[in-house]
């Protein structure tokens, strides 16, 4: 990943009977959203197939740690601190 790429992870949520999180990759002009576990592409605006393949490879390698981060996120706790 290049240094201009930003990655955001959502808190864990339910999708049907599965627990999932969403991972958003952004740079200055493009964004792509994936769902983990699994790395399914949800949306893409501006990234080419080569860059998407790099993101999927990154997700395969980092999926467990990203999901751990997502589990620790608590939007209500953050809201109550403000």
Protein backbone atom coordinates (compact mmCIF):
# COMPACT_ATOMS: atom_id res chain seq x y z
CA UNK A 1 0.00 0.00 0.00
CA UNK A 2 1.30 3.44 -0.75
CA UNK A 3 1.59 6.11 1.93
CA UNK A 4 -1.27 8.17 0.49
CA UNK A 5 -3.75 5.31 0.92
CA UNK A 6 -6.02 5.48 3.98
CA UNK A 7 -7.82 2.50 5.46
CA UNK A 8 -10.90 2.79 7.66
CA UNK A 9 -12.54 -0.14 9.45
CA UNK A 10 -16.12 -0.16 10.69
CA UNK A 11 -17.25 -1.67 13.96
CA UNK A 12 -18.49 -5.27 13.71
CA UNK A 13 -22.08 -5.48 12.58
CA UNK A 14 -24.50 -8.22 11.53
CA UNK A 15 -25.25 -9.14 7.95
CA UNK A 16 -27.91 -11.80 8.13
CA UNK A 17 -26.52 -14.38 10.52
CA UNK A 18 -22.87 -13.38 10.03
CA UNK A 19 -20.71 -10.90 11.94
CA UNK A 20 -18.91 -8.66 9.47
CA UNK A 21 -16.97 -5.43 9.23
CA UNK A 22 -16.46 -3.06 6.33
CA UNK A 23 -13.04 -1.88 5.18
CA UNK A 24 -12.77 1.32 3.15
CA UNK A 25 -9.64 2.16 1.15
CA UNK A 26 -9.34 5.78 0.02
CA UNK A 27 -6.80 7.97 -1.67
CA UNK A 28 -7.10 11.50 -3.02
CA UNK A 29 -9.49 10.59 -5.86
CA UNK A 30 -10.70 7.00 -5.39
CA UNK A 31 -12.35 4.69 -2.88
CA UNK A 32 -13.19 1.02 -2.58
CA UNK A 33 -15.16 -0.80 0.10
CA UNK A 34 -14.78 -4.46 1.04
CA UNK A 35 -16.49 -6.70 3.56
CA UNK A 36 -14.57 -8.96 5.93
CA UNK A 37 -14.32 -11.80 6.54
CA UNK A 38 -14.04 -12.86 2.93
CA UNK A 39 -12.80 -9.73 1.20
CA UNK A 40 -15.82 -9.28 -1.08
CA UNK A 41 -15.73 -6.00 -3.03
CA UNK A 42 -18.83 -3.92 -2.22
CA UNK A 43 -18.07 -0.78 -4.23
CA UNK A 44 -15.29 0.80 -6.25
CA UNK A 45 -14.96 4.33 -7.55
CA UNK A 46 -11.74 4.96 -9.42
CA UNK A 47 -9.36 2.10 -8.64
CA UNK A 48 -8.11 -0.09 -11.49
CA UNK A 49 -8.11 -3.91 -11.39
CA UNK A 50 -4.42 -4.05 -10.45
CA UNK A 51 -4.92 -1.83 -7.39
CA UNK A 52 -8.05 -3.78 -6.38
CA UNK A 53 -6.03 -7.01 -6.56
CA UNK A 54 -3.41 -5.46 -4.26
CA UNK A 55 -6.14 -4.49 -1.79
CA UNK A 56 -7.63 -7.99 -1.83
CA UNK A 57 -4.17 -9.46 -1.20
CA UNK A 58 -3.67 -7.04 1.70
CA UNK A 59 -7.07 -8.04 3.14
CA UNK A 60 -6.24 -11.74 2.89
CA UNK A 61 -3.02 -11.15 4.82
CA UNK A 62 -4.41 -8.68 7.40
CA UNK A 63 -8.04 -9.85 7.72
CA UNK A 64 -7.65 -11.30 11.22
CA UNK A 65 -5.99 -8.19 12.65
CA UNK A 66 -8.47 -5.86 10.92
CA UNK A 67 -11.38 -7.87 12.31
CA UNK A 68 -9.85 -7.69 15.81
CA UNK A 69 -9.70 -3.90 15.47
CA UNK A 70 -13.33 -3.85 14.29
CA UNK A 71 -14.41 -5.89 17.34
CA UNK A 72 -12.79 -3.33 19.67
CA UNK A 73 -14.55 -0.34 18.12
CA UNK A 74 -17.53 0.86 20.11
CA UNK A 75 -19.31 3.86 18.58
CA UNK A 76 -21.48 4.45 21.65
CA UNK A 77 -18.45 4.61 23.94
CA UNK A 78 -16.83 7.12 21.59
CA UNK A 79 -20.03 9.15 21.44
CA UNK A 80 -20.36 9.26 25.23
CA UNK A 81 -16.76 10.53 25.65
CA UNK A 82 -17.37 13.62 23.49
